[in-house]
Protein backbone atom coordinates (compact mmCIF):
# COMPACT_ATOMS: atom_id res chain seq x y z
CA UNK A 1 51.95 -69.79 64.03
CA UNK A 2 53.19 -73.38 64.33
CA UNK A 3 56.17 -74.53 62.28
CA UNK A 4 56.50 -78.28 61.51
CA UNK A 5 59.30 -80.29 59.93
CA UNK A 6 58.17 -82.51 57.08
CA UNK A 7 58.84 -86.26 57.08
CA UNK A 8 61.91 -85.86 54.91
CA UNK A 9 63.43 -83.37 57.34
CA UNK A 10 62.62 -85.66 60.26
CA UNK A 11 64.33 -88.50 58.43
CA UNK A 12 67.42 -86.36 57.84
CA UNK A 13 67.60 -85.55 61.51
CA UNK A 14 67.22 -89.19 62.49
CA UNK A 15 69.89 -90.19 59.97
CA UNK A 16 72.13 -87.46 61.32
CA UNK A 17 71.72 -88.83 64.80
CA UNK A 18 72.96 -92.18 63.52
CA UNK A 19 75.73 -91.00 61.20
CA UNK A 20 77.06 -87.65 62.52
CA UNK A 21 79.40 -87.09 65.43
CA UNK A 22 78.02 -85.02 68.34
CA UNK A 23 79.69 -81.76 67.25
CA UNK A 24 78.27 -81.97 63.71
CA UNK A 25 74.88 -82.88 65.11
CA UNK A 26 74.87 -79.82 67.37
CA UNK A 27 75.83 -77.60 64.46
CA UNK A 28 72.98 -78.96 62.33
CA UNK A 29 70.43 -78.39 65.10
CA UNK A 30 71.63 -74.83 65.61
CA UNK A 31 71.25 -74.19 61.88
CA UNK A 32 67.70 -75.51 61.90
CA UNK A 33 66.86 -73.42 64.97
CA UNK A 34 68.28 -70.31 63.32
CA UNK A 35 66.15 -70.92 60.23
CA UNK A 36 62.98 -71.29 62.26
CA UNK A 37 63.82 -68.14 64.26
CA UNK A 38 64.36 -66.21 61.04
CA UNK A 39 60.94 -67.29 59.74
CA UNK A 40 59.29 -66.24 63.02
CA UNK A 41 61.01 -62.85 62.95
CA UNK A 42 59.93 -62.26 59.36
CA UNK A 43 56.34 -63.12 60.22
CA UNK A 44 56.42 -60.84 63.28
CA UNK A 45 57.88 -57.98 61.24
CA UNK A 46 54.97 -58.29 58.83
CA UNK A 47 52.56 -58.03 61.76
CA UNK A 48 54.43 -54.97 63.07
CA UNK A 49 54.45 -53.24 59.66
CA UNK A 50 52.59 -49.95 59.37
CA UNK A 51 48.85 -50.45 59.40
CA UNK A 52 46.71 -48.46 56.95
CA UNK A 53 44.10 -45.92 57.95
CA UNK A 54 41.90 -44.24 55.31
CA UNK A 55 40.59 -40.74 55.96
CA UNK A 56 38.03 -38.74 54.02
CA UNK A 57 38.43 -34.97 54.27
CA UNK A 58 35.19 -33.24 53.17
CA UNK A 59 36.80 -30.00 52.05
CA UNK A 60 33.59 -28.50 50.66
CA UNK A 61 31.75 -29.03 53.96
CA UNK A 62 32.70 -26.61 56.69
CA UNK A 63 31.72 -26.23 60.32
CA UNK A 64 32.29 -23.71 63.09
CA UNK A 65 35.24 -21.38 63.39
CA UNK A 66 37.99 -22.76 65.63
CA UNK A 67 38.29 -19.71 67.87
CA UNK A 68 41.92 -18.77 68.36
CA UNK A 69 41.20 -18.30 72.06
CA UNK A 70 41.18 -22.08 72.62
CA UNK A 71 44.98 -21.76 72.42
CA UNK A 72 45.03 -19.44 75.44
CA UNK A 73 47.58 -19.54 78.24
CA UNK A 74 47.44 -19.25 82.03
CA UNK A 75 49.92 -17.48 84.32
CA UNK A 76 49.27 -17.76 88.06
CA UNK A 77 51.38 -16.48 90.93
CA UNK A 78 52.46 -20.02 91.72
CA UNK A 79 55.98 -21.38 92.15
CA UNK A 80 58.21 -19.97 89.41
CA UNK A 81 55.37 -19.40 86.97
CA UNK A 82 55.62 -15.61 87.20
CA UNK A 83 58.71 -14.83 89.27
CA UNK A 84 61.82 -16.17 87.46
CA UNK A 85 59.63 -17.58 84.67
CA UNK A 86 58.39 -14.22 83.33
CA UNK A 87 59.58 -11.54 85.72
CA UNK A 88 63.24 -11.20 86.68
CA UNK A 89 63.26 -7.46 87.39
CA UNK A 90 64.93 -4.66 85.42
CA UNK A 91 68.23 -5.05 87.30
CA UNK A 92 68.63 -8.75 86.45
CA UNK A 93 71.64 -9.97 84.44
CA UNK A 94 69.18 -12.08 82.47
CA UNK A 95 68.31 -10.07 79.33
CA UNK A 96 64.98 -8.37 79.90
CA UNK A 97 62.75 -5.50 78.87
CA UNK A 98 61.43 -3.59 81.85
CA UNK A 99 61.95 -6.68 84.01
CA UNK A 100 60.33 -9.21 81.66
CA UNK A 101 62.52 -11.98 80.22
CA UNK A 102 63.36 -11.43 76.55
CA UNK A 103 63.84 -15.13 75.77
CA UNK A 104 60.42 -16.08 77.15
CA UNK A 105 58.77 -13.21 75.27
CA UNK A 106 60.37 -14.27 71.98
CA UNK A 107 59.29 -17.88 72.47
CA UNK A 108 55.69 -16.92 73.27
CA UNK A 109 55.44 -14.50 70.34
CA UNK A 110 56.10 -17.46 68.04
CA UNK A 111 52.98 -19.16 69.45
CA UNK A 112 50.78 -16.13 68.64
CA UNK A 113 49.28 -16.44 72.12
CA UNK A 114 45.71 -15.08 71.97
CA UNK A 115 45.13 -14.42 75.67
CA UNK A 116 46.70 -14.98 79.09
CA UNK A 117 44.57 -15.65 82.16
CA UNK A 118 45.90 -13.88 85.30
CA UNK A 119 46.47 -13.66 88.30
CA UNK A 120 44.94 -17.09 89.02
CA UNK A 121 43.69 -19.64 89.86
CA UNK A 122 43.24 -19.97 93.57
CA UNK A 123 45.63 -17.04 93.95
CA UNK A 124 43.09 -14.73 92.30
CA UNK A 125 40.59 -15.03 95.14
CA UNK A 126 43.17 -13.77 97.63
CA UNK A 127 44.68 -11.14 95.32
CA UNK A 128 44.13 -7.48 96.17
CA UNK A 129 45.20 -5.45 93.18
CA UNK A 130 46.25 -2.26 95.00
CA UNK A 131 49.13 -4.14 96.62
CA UNK A 132 50.62 -4.59 93.13
CA UNK A 133 50.67 -0.99 91.84
CA UNK A 134 52.63 2.21 92.55
CA UNK A 135 56.30 2.47 93.47
CA UNK A 136 56.01 0.93 96.93
CA UNK A 137 54.63 -2.61 96.72
CA UNK A 138 53.09 -4.45 99.65
CA UNK A 139 54.94 -7.66 100.45
CA UNK A 140 52.55 -10.42 101.48
CA UNK A 141 52.34 -14.23 101.58
CA UNK A 142 51.04 -16.76 99.08
CA UNK A 143 49.24 -19.24 101.34
CA UNK A 144 47.75 -21.28 98.48
CA UNK A 145 51.06 -22.20 96.92
CA UNK A 146 53.80 -23.03 99.38
CA UNK A 147 53.25 -20.17 101.85
CA UNK A 148 56.13 -18.24 100.27
CA UNK A 149 56.67 -14.49 100.04
CA UNK A 150 54.61 -12.65 97.40
CA UNK A 151 56.55 -9.45 96.59
CA UNK A 152 53.82 -8.05 94.30
CA UNK A 153 56.51 -6.66 91.99
CA UNK A 154 54.57 -8.18 89.07
CA UNK A 155 51.24 -6.38 89.23
CA UNK A 156 48.63 -4.94 86.90
CA UNK A 157 50.93 -2.65 84.92
CA UNK A 158 53.63 -5.31 84.54
CA UNK A 159 51.00 -7.83 83.39
CA UNK A 160 49.74 -5.43 80.76
CA UNK A 161 53.30 -4.68 79.65
CA UNK A 162 53.94 -8.41 79.32
CA UNK A 163 50.80 -8.86 77.20
CA UNK A 164 51.85 -6.01 74.96
CA UNK A 165 55.29 -7.55 74.47
CA UNK A 166 53.93 -10.97 73.44
CA UNK A 167 50.92 -9.61 71.52
CA UNK A 168 48.20 -11.24 73.67
CA UNK A 169 44.94 -10.02 75.20
CA UNK A 170 44.01 -9.74 78.86
CA UNK A 171 41.88 -12.28 80.69
CA UNK A 172 41.63 -10.91 84.21
CA UNK A 173 40.15 -12.99 87.03
CA UNK A 174 38.70 -10.78 89.78
CA UNK A 175 38.59 -11.62 93.47
CA UNK A 176 35.12 -12.84 94.42
CA UNK A 177 36.22 -15.08 97.30
CA UNK A 178 37.82 -12.54 99.66
CA UNK A 179 37.26 -9.31 97.75
CA UNK A 180 34.28 -7.04 97.20
CA UNK A 181 32.36 -5.77 94.19
CA UNK A 182 33.72 -2.30 94.95
CA UNK A 183 37.33 -3.51 94.87
CA UNK A 184 36.78 -5.25 91.53
CA UNK A 185 34.90 -2.26 90.10
CA UNK A 186 37.72 0.13 91.04
CA UNK A 187 40.28 -2.23 89.52
CA UNK A 188 38.43 -2.11 86.20
CA UNK A 189 38.19 1.66 86.43
CA UNK A 190 41.94 1.89 87.07
CA UNK A 191 42.61 -0.25 84.00
CA UNK A 192 40.00 0.94 81.50
CA UNK A 193 38.77 4.49 81.96
CA UNK A 194 39.98 7.31 79.71
CA UNK A 195 38.23 9.95 81.83
CA UNK A 196 40.43 12.02 84.21
CA UNK A 197 39.34 10.24 87.40
CA UNK A 198 41.62 9.86 90.40
CA UNK A 199 42.28 6.23 89.47
CA UNK A 200 43.05 7.14 85.85
CA UNK A 201 45.51 9.77 87.05
CA UNK A 202 47.12 7.17 89.31
CA UNK A 203 47.50 4.84 86.33
CA UNK A 204 49.08 7.65 84.32
CA UNK A 205 51.48 8.38 87.18
CA UNK A 206 52.45 4.70 87.05
CA UNK A 207 53.52 5.12 83.44
CA UNK A 208 50.43 4.41 81.34
CA UNK A 209 48.20 7.41 80.53
CA UNK A 210 46.18 5.48 77.94
CA UNK A 211 43.58 3.02 79.23
CA UNK A 212 44.16 -0.71 78.98
CA UNK A 213 41.85 -3.03 77.10
CA UNK A 214 40.37 -5.94 79.09
CA UNK A 215 38.53 -8.18 76.64
CA UNK A 216 37.81 -11.00 79.12
CA UNK A 217 36.76 -10.91 82.78
CA UNK A 218 36.59 -13.98 85.02
CA UNK A 219 34.02 -13.59 87.80
CA UNK A 220 35.88 -15.59 90.44
CA UNK A 221 37.71 -18.89 90.26
CA UNK A 222 36.55 -22.30 91.49
CA UNK A 223 34.05 -20.65 93.80
CA UNK A 224 32.89 -24.15 94.74
CA UNK A 225 36.28 -24.81 96.40
CA UNK A 226 39.34 -22.58 96.95
CA UNK A 227 37.38 -19.57 95.71
CA UNK A 228 34.99 -19.53 98.66
CA UNK A 229 33.32 -22.96 99.06
CA UNK A 230 30.07 -21.44 97.80
CA UNK A 231 26.85 -23.20 96.92
CA UNK A 232 25.61 -22.84 93.33
CA UNK A 233 22.77 -20.56 94.43
CA UNK A 234 25.04 -18.32 96.51
CA UNK A 235 27.58 -18.03 93.71
CA UNK A 236 24.83 -17.17 91.23
CA UNK A 237 23.73 -14.29 93.45
CA UNK A 238 27.32 -13.00 93.62
CA UNK A 239 27.78 -13.48 89.87
CA UNK A 240 24.85 -11.14 89.17
CA UNK A 241 26.24 -8.45 91.48
CA UNK A 242 29.74 -8.56 89.98
CA UNK A 243 28.39 -8.71 86.44
CA UNK A 244 26.45 -5.50 87.00
CA UNK A 245 28.91 -3.38 88.96
CA UNK A 246 32.28 -4.43 87.47
CA UNK A 247 32.20 -2.32 84.33
CA UNK A 248 34.64 -1.75 81.49
CA UNK A 249 34.94 1.93 80.59
CA UNK A 250 37.32 1.70 77.64
CA UNK A 251 35.90 3.75 74.74
CA UNK A 252 36.81 1.02 72.23
CA UNK A 253 35.13 -1.71 74.26
CA UNK A 254 31.56 -0.60 74.07
CA UNK A 255 28.90 -2.16 71.86
CA UNK A 256 30.05 -5.15 69.82
CA UNK A 257 33.58 -5.01 71.27
CA UNK A 258 32.40 -5.12 74.87
CA UNK A 259 34.22 -7.10 77.53
CA UNK A 260 33.05 -10.73 77.82
CA UNK A 261 32.21 -11.91 81.34
CA UNK A 262 32.98 -15.50 82.26
CA UNK A 263 31.21 -17.17 85.18
CA UNK A 264 32.62 -19.98 87.31
CA UNK A 265 31.46 -23.34 85.99
CA UNK A 266 31.94 -27.03 86.77
CA UNK A 267 35.04 -28.96 87.80
CA UNK A 268 33.97 -32.50 86.90
CA UNK A 269 31.14 -34.74 85.72
CA UNK A 270 29.32 -35.87 88.89
CA UNK A 271 26.00 -34.61 90.29
CA UNK A 272 27.74 -31.82 92.18
CA UNK A 273 29.02 -30.39 88.91
CA UNK A 274 25.91 -30.88 86.81
CA UNK A 275 23.92 -29.11 89.54
CA UNK A 276 26.36 -26.19 89.34
CA UNK A 277 25.99 -25.88 85.57
CA UNK A 278 22.20 -26.19 85.82
CA UNK A 279 21.98 -23.44 88.46
CA UNK A 280 24.20 -20.91 86.68
CA UNK A 281 22.65 -21.52 83.26
CA UNK A 282 19.11 -21.37 84.62
CA UNK A 283 19.96 -18.00 86.14
CA UNK A 284 21.37 -16.89 82.79
CA UNK A 285 18.17 -17.90 81.00
CA UNK A 286 16.29 -15.34 83.09
CA UNK A 287 18.92 -12.59 83.00
CA UNK A 288 17.77 -9.01 82.53
CA UNK A 289 19.26 -5.85 81.06
CA UNK A 290 21.21 -5.17 84.27
CA UNK A 291 23.51 -8.21 84.15
CA UNK A 292 24.80 -10.80 81.71
CA UNK A 293 27.44 -13.48 81.22
CA UNK A 294 29.14 -14.55 78.00
CA UNK A 295 31.00 -17.64 79.12
CA UNK A 296 30.93 -20.50 81.62
CA UNK A 297 34.29 -21.86 82.74
CA UNK A 298 35.12 -25.53 83.14
CA UNK A 299 38.20 -27.04 84.80
CA UNK A 300 39.40 -30.54 84.01
CA UNK A 301 42.89 -31.91 84.62
CA UNK A 302 44.28 -35.25 83.47
CA UNK A 303 45.13 -36.76 86.85
CA UNK A 304 43.67 -40.33 86.85
CA UNK A 305 43.51 -40.31 90.64
CA UNK A 306 43.80 -37.66 93.34
CA UNK A 307 46.19 -36.54 94.72
CA UNK A 308 48.34 -36.48 91.58
CA UNK A 309 50.70 -39.46 91.82
CA UNK A 310 51.73 -40.33 88.26
CA UNK A 311 55.34 -39.49 87.47
CA UNK A 312 56.22 -37.00 84.75
CA UNK A 313 59.55 -38.77 84.11
CA UNK A 314 60.77 -42.34 83.89
CA UNK A 315 57.39 -43.91 83.11
CA UNK A 316 56.51 -46.65 80.65
CA UNK A 317 53.80 -47.71 78.24
CA UNK A 318 51.36 -48.64 80.99
CA UNK A 319 51.33 -45.14 82.47
CA UNK A 320 51.34 -43.66 78.97
CA UNK A 321 48.16 -45.49 77.98
CA UNK A 322 46.43 -44.80 81.31
CA UNK A 323 47.06 -41.07 81.07
CA UNK A 324 45.81 -40.87 77.47
CA UNK A 325 42.69 -42.84 78.34
CA UNK A 326 42.01 -40.36 81.14
CA UNK A 327 42.60 -37.28 78.98
CA UNK A 328 40.16 -38.47 76.30
CA UNK A 329 37.37 -38.27 78.88
CA UNK A 330 37.39 -34.53 78.13
CA UNK A 331 35.11 -35.23 75.16
CA UNK A 332 32.30 -36.76 77.23
CA UNK A 333 32.68 -34.05 79.86
CA UNK A 334 32.17 -31.32 77.26
CA UNK A 335 29.18 -33.17 75.82
CA UNK A 336 27.57 -33.53 79.26
CA UNK A 337 27.84 -29.87 80.22
CA UNK A 338 27.08 -28.65 76.69
CA UNK A 339 23.81 -30.58 76.80
CA UNK A 340 22.83 -28.75 79.99
CA UNK A 341 23.83 -25.41 78.47
CA UNK A 342 21.77 -26.19 75.36
CA UNK A 343 18.62 -26.45 77.49
CA UNK A 344 18.95 -22.87 78.66
CA UNK A 345 20.96 -21.41 75.78
CA UNK A 346 20.01 -23.19 72.54
CA UNK A 347 21.57 -20.42 70.45
CA UNK A 348 24.95 -21.04 72.12
CA UNK A 349 25.47 -17.43 73.10
CA UNK A 350 27.37 -18.50 76.22
CA UNK A 351 30.73 -20.07 75.44
CA UNK A 352 32.09 -23.05 77.34
CA UNK A 353 35.51 -21.83 78.48
CA UNK A 354 37.90 -24.63 79.49
CA UNK A 355 40.24 -22.25 81.26
CA UNK A 356 42.20 -24.86 83.21
CA UNK A 357 43.25 -28.11 81.58
CA UNK A 358 46.32 -30.29 81.10
CA UNK A 359 48.30 -33.08 82.73
CA UNK A 360 48.82 -32.84 86.50
CA UNK A 361 51.44 -35.20 87.90
CA UNK A 362 53.39 -35.76 91.10
CA UNK A 363 55.84 -32.95 91.96
CA UNK A 364 59.40 -33.60 90.85
CA UNK A 365 61.50 -35.03 93.69
CA UNK A 366 63.31 -32.30 95.62
CA UNK A 367 60.94 -29.55 94.51
CA UNK A 368 58.58 -27.57 96.73
CA UNK A 369 55.28 -29.54 96.52
CA UNK A 370 53.39 -26.25 96.46
CA UNK A 371 55.19 -25.15 93.29
CA UNK A 372 53.66 -27.91 91.10
CA UNK A 373 56.92 -28.56 89.25
CA UNK A 374 56.80 -31.42 86.73
CA UNK A 375 58.56 -32.40 83.52
CA UNK A 376 56.96 -32.29 80.12
CA UNK A 377 57.36 -35.28 77.81
CA UNK A 378 56.33 -36.56 74.40
CA UNK A 379 53.32 -38.06 76.18
CA UNK A 380 52.22 -34.50 77.06
CA UNK A 381 52.58 -33.40 73.45
CA UNK A 382 50.17 -36.15 72.39
CA UNK A 383 47.88 -35.29 75.33
CA UNK A 384 47.81 -31.65 74.19
CA UNK A 385 47.00 -32.59 70.59
CA UNK A 386 44.14 -34.86 71.67
CA UNK A 387 42.58 -32.10 73.79
CA UNK A 388 42.98 -29.40 71.16
CA UNK A 389 41.28 -31.71 68.66
CA UNK A 390 38.41 -32.27 71.10
CA UNK A 391 38.00 -28.50 71.53
CA UNK A 392 38.02 -28.04 67.75
CA UNK A 393 35.29 -30.64 67.27
CA UNK A 394 33.16 -28.73 69.80
CA UNK A 395 34.05 -25.31 68.35
CA UNK A 396 30.42 -24.20 68.26
CA UNK A 397 30.34 -24.19 72.09
CA UNK A 398 34.01 -24.33 73.20
CA UNK A 399 35.36 -20.94 72.16
CA UNK A 400 38.11 -20.42 74.72
CA UNK A 401 40.55 -22.57 76.69
CA UNK A 402 43.65 -21.99 78.79
CA UNK A 403 46.23 -24.70 79.37
CA UNK A 404 47.71 -24.85 82.86
CA UNK A 405 50.21 -23.32 82.92
CA UNK A 406 52.45 -21.23 80.71
CA UNK A 407 55.90 -21.32 82.35
CA UNK A 408 57.46 -23.69 84.92
CA UNK A 409 54.14 -24.95 86.34
CA UNK A 410 52.20 -28.13 85.47
CA UNK A 411 52.00 -28.73 81.68
CA UNK A 412 54.14 -25.75 80.78
CA UNK A 413 55.17 -24.39 77.41
CA UNK A 414 58.52 -23.23 78.77
CA UNK A 415 60.91 -24.26 81.54
CA UNK A 416 63.48 -21.86 82.97
CA UNK A 417 66.36 -22.14 85.43
CA UNK A 418 68.12 -18.83 86.06
CA UNK A 419 69.41 -17.78 82.62
CA UNK A 420 68.57 -21.13 80.98
CA UNK A 421 65.40 -21.80 79.01
CA UNK A 422 63.99 -24.98 77.42
CA UNK A 423 60.95 -25.30 75.18
CA UNK A 424 58.79 -28.31 75.99
CA UNK A 425 57.15 -30.84 73.64
CA UNK A 426 53.81 -29.19 74.46
CA UNK A 427 55.24 -25.86 73.27
CA UNK A 428 55.97 -27.39 69.87
CA UNK A 429 52.44 -28.78 69.55
CA UNK A 430 51.01 -25.31 70.16
CA UNK A 431 53.41 -23.91 67.57
CA UNK A 432 52.40 -26.56 65.03
CA UNK A 433 48.73 -25.71 65.63
CA UNK A 434 49.10 -21.96 64.98
CA UNK A 435 47.48 -22.32 61.50
CA UNK A 436 44.31 -23.63 63.18
CA UNK A 437 43.75 -20.34 65.02
CA UNK A 438 40.48 -18.85 63.71
CA UNK A 439 40.43 -21.45 60.90
CA UNK A 440 37.15 -23.03 59.78
CA UNK A 441 36.57 -26.61 60.88
CA UNK A 442 36.45 -29.19 58.08
CA UNK A 443 34.94 -32.61 58.86
CA UNK A 444 37.19 -35.68 58.68
CA UNK A 445 35.77 -39.21 58.73
CA UNK A 446 37.88 -42.27 59.39
CA UNK A 447 38.06 -45.64 61.08
CA UNK A 448 40.59 -44.87 63.81
CA UNK A 449 41.51 -48.49 64.44
CA UNK A 450 42.64 -49.50 67.91
CA UNK A 451 45.75 -49.49 70.04
CA UNK A 452 45.64 -51.84 73.03
CA UNK A 453 47.97 -52.15 75.99
CA UNK A 454 47.12 -54.33 78.98
CA UNK A 455 43.39 -53.78 79.50
CA UNK A 456 43.26 -50.33 77.89
CA UNK A 457 42.07 -49.83 74.32
CA UNK A 458 42.43 -46.45 72.62
CA UNK A 459 41.91 -45.21 69.07
CA UNK A 460 45.07 -45.73 67.05
CA UNK A 461 44.79 -42.35 65.35
CA UNK A 462 43.01 -39.02 65.80
CA UNK A 463 42.62 -36.27 63.21
CA UNK A 464 41.11 -32.86 62.49
CA UNK A 465 41.18 -30.54 59.47
CA UNK A 466 40.51 -26.85 58.89
CA UNK A 467 40.76 -24.13 56.26
CA UNK A 468 42.53 -20.90 57.16
CA UNK A 469 41.48 -17.40 56.13
CA UNK A 470 43.30 -17.79 52.81
CA UNK A 471 41.52 -21.03 52.00
CA UNK A 472 44.53 -23.29 52.61
CA UNK A 473 43.67 -26.72 54.00
CA UNK A 474 45.47 -27.99 57.11
CA UNK A 475 45.30 -31.56 58.40
CA UNK A 476 46.46 -32.78 61.81
CA UNK A 477 46.89 -36.49 62.55
CA UNK A 478 48.03 -38.02 65.83
CA UNK A 479 49.32 -41.59 66.07
CA UNK A 480 48.70 -42.73 69.64
CA UNK A 481 50.34 -46.13 69.15
CA UNK A 482 53.86 -45.95 70.65
CA UNK A 483 55.04 -49.07 68.81
CA UNK A 484 53.63 -49.14 65.28
CA UNK A 485 53.73 -46.72 62.39
CA UNK A 486 50.54 -45.95 60.46
CA UNK A 487 50.12 -45.57 56.71
CA UNK A 488 47.64 -42.76 56.04
CA UNK A 489 45.61 -42.45 52.87
CA UNK A 490 43.54 -39.27 52.92
CA UNK A 491 40.92 -38.67 50.25
CA UNK A 492 40.67 -34.92 49.70
CA UNK A 493 37.05 -34.57 48.61
CA UNK A 494 36.54 -31.25 46.85
CA UNK A 495 40.20 -30.16 46.69
CA UNK A 496 42.49 -30.44 43.68
CA UNK A 497 45.73 -30.43 45.67
CA UNK A 498 49.04 -30.67 43.87
CA UNK A 499 51.42 -31.01 46.80
CA UNK A 500 51.62 -31.36 50.58
CA UNK A 501 54.18 -30.32 53.16
CA UNK A 502 54.35 -30.57 56.90
CA UNK A 503 56.18 -31.57 60.02
CA UNK A 504 55.95 -34.25 62.67
CA UNK A 505 56.81 -34.34 66.36
CA UNK A 506 58.05 -37.56 67.90
CA UNK A 507 60.97 -38.89 69.97
CA UNK A 508 62.72 -42.16 70.88
CA UNK A 509 60.54 -42.84 73.93
CA UNK A 510 57.14 -41.85 75.31
CA UNK A 511 58.89 -40.23 78.27
CA UNK A 512 61.46 -38.31 76.20
CA UNK A 513 61.86 -34.72 77.43
CA UNK A 514 63.72 -31.54 76.54
CA UNK A 515 66.12 -30.74 79.36
CA UNK A 516 68.42 -27.76 79.81
CA UNK A 517 71.37 -30.00 78.88
CA UNK A 518 69.57 -31.61 75.92
CA UNK A 519 66.93 -29.09 74.82
CA UNK A 520 66.37 -30.51 71.32
CA UNK A 521 65.41 -34.12 72.05
CA UNK A 522 61.76 -33.57 71.11
CA UNK A 523 61.45 -31.19 68.17
CA UNK A 524 59.41 -31.09 64.97
CA UNK A 525 61.03 -32.31 61.77
CA UNK A 526 59.89 -32.20 58.13
CA UNK A 527 57.65 -35.05 57.03
CA UNK A 528 57.50 -36.62 53.57
CA UNK A 529 54.02 -36.55 52.04
CA UNK A 530 52.76 -37.27 48.52
CA UNK A 531 49.57 -36.13 46.79
CA UNK A 532 48.35 -37.94 43.70
CA UNK A 533 44.89 -38.09 42.13
CA UNK A 534 43.31 -36.25 45.05
CA UNK A 535 44.80 -38.54 47.69
CA UNK A 536 47.43 -37.93 50.34
CA UNK A 537 49.88 -40.72 51.16
CA UNK A 538 51.70 -40.28 54.45
CA UNK A 539 53.47 -42.53 56.93
CA UNK A 540 53.08 -41.57 60.58
CA UNK A 541 55.78 -42.57 62.99
CA UNK A 542 54.74 -44.19 66.26
CA UNK A 543 53.71 -41.82 69.09
CA UNK A 544 53.65 -38.75 66.88
CA UNK A 545 51.81 -35.52 66.14
CA UNK A 546 51.79 -34.44 62.48
CA UNK A 547 50.46 -31.32 60.73
CA UNK A 548 50.28 -31.10 56.92
CA UNK A 549 49.18 -28.31 54.59
CA UNK A 550 48.13 -28.55 50.94
CA UNK A 551 48.78 -26.46 47.87
């Protein structure tokens, strides 16, 4: 905008030059400059005012169930993810139950964690389960992650105890890379049989006479890389063998409640990965009575470039926008591999299981690079919300996902340091999304607008809606723009709502974190929302995640 002085003002200035002393003249010019500056600031403030986005929530139209398993977790023997993060031992001064941290258990129970994938990861294809049972544990090394000592004090029975304490189900990844079908089959017998076999008696001697339930079985991990560098054809041949011989004997897991078997799937979008999906799914199309799979895994981290070099602390808007642009590529990746799956499985019997996802950044300075230690910021909360929304929109095919990882590793829910514990911004997003577990997807249409920084353009807002088992409507809206608020007007088509309530998660900066010294910097707070004549009016703060329910 250009501001001009009219002729009268120009004349006044010229007269002032002739009649006023220098000091008075300087004062007059400063006054004029101040006035112009004030006008510019007012105009800029109007530009920066909250922009309006109109949503239409089609309450009467419903889609697929948002399977609660997309909120799954992942605990690998990596860094302090298990040892110190979950397991401190029964003799620890840190409050624990049979060696498992009480504070971590309480925090995870609040998330209603549906399942926990274990023991890996790359670790799984070098894990031999017998070293982690009985009174005398075999001490080995962990060559994948820092070459440190693996004491095996957290083994099968401790894992199952942990699941029982937090109320989650087992997702066990068996060793295909360096193990054998016999080893995996005996592991499942140890865990699941109720018959008085030698392995069942050994389990009972270890403190658990009743069999364990194993609802989900991973047949290897990244068999195209750290899990054995296999070709798609070779893996498919192994997959069939393991699928047949690794049986679940639990009496309650026969028939409709049978264990679901998840095959190794792609790790990207290039020809190498599409060939992998094609090969495994083509094999599935011709499966017989003797073997089957129920899921195909997919791994996709938000990295931007390899090796991970983006900082998890002290970054600015440029890195913020680059990371979010990268994470939104998850949508196209799911579409690409879903299209291949549809060719061989049009009825969508095989789930796409995104069992490793999240932000992967440079290790924190001073940490062991093999421990994958990074901070967790408001940016990661927004990243998590965007991915969960993508999964929900693909709920007909994506029926399970596991963020990497649960405690102290990568995009963690929880950080610990000896007796201290801090809940991360990502933790709070998962807690805010609890009502979406097993809810029914409700379509939301909107013009997202745009947020642009440098040469990157992103949608300004993202949103999903769902109805829970009691029929209550829940709406999630993310404001990606770190600078501007957004005025939301949501038309609730088919719902006579009287009121709305919810909470929002934001913070002063995109790189705000919860530290042990300041654990409450990024926390949800109540949000003010109004419903009138079937419309929701809500103001979203910049860089925020908001969840609202309706009565």
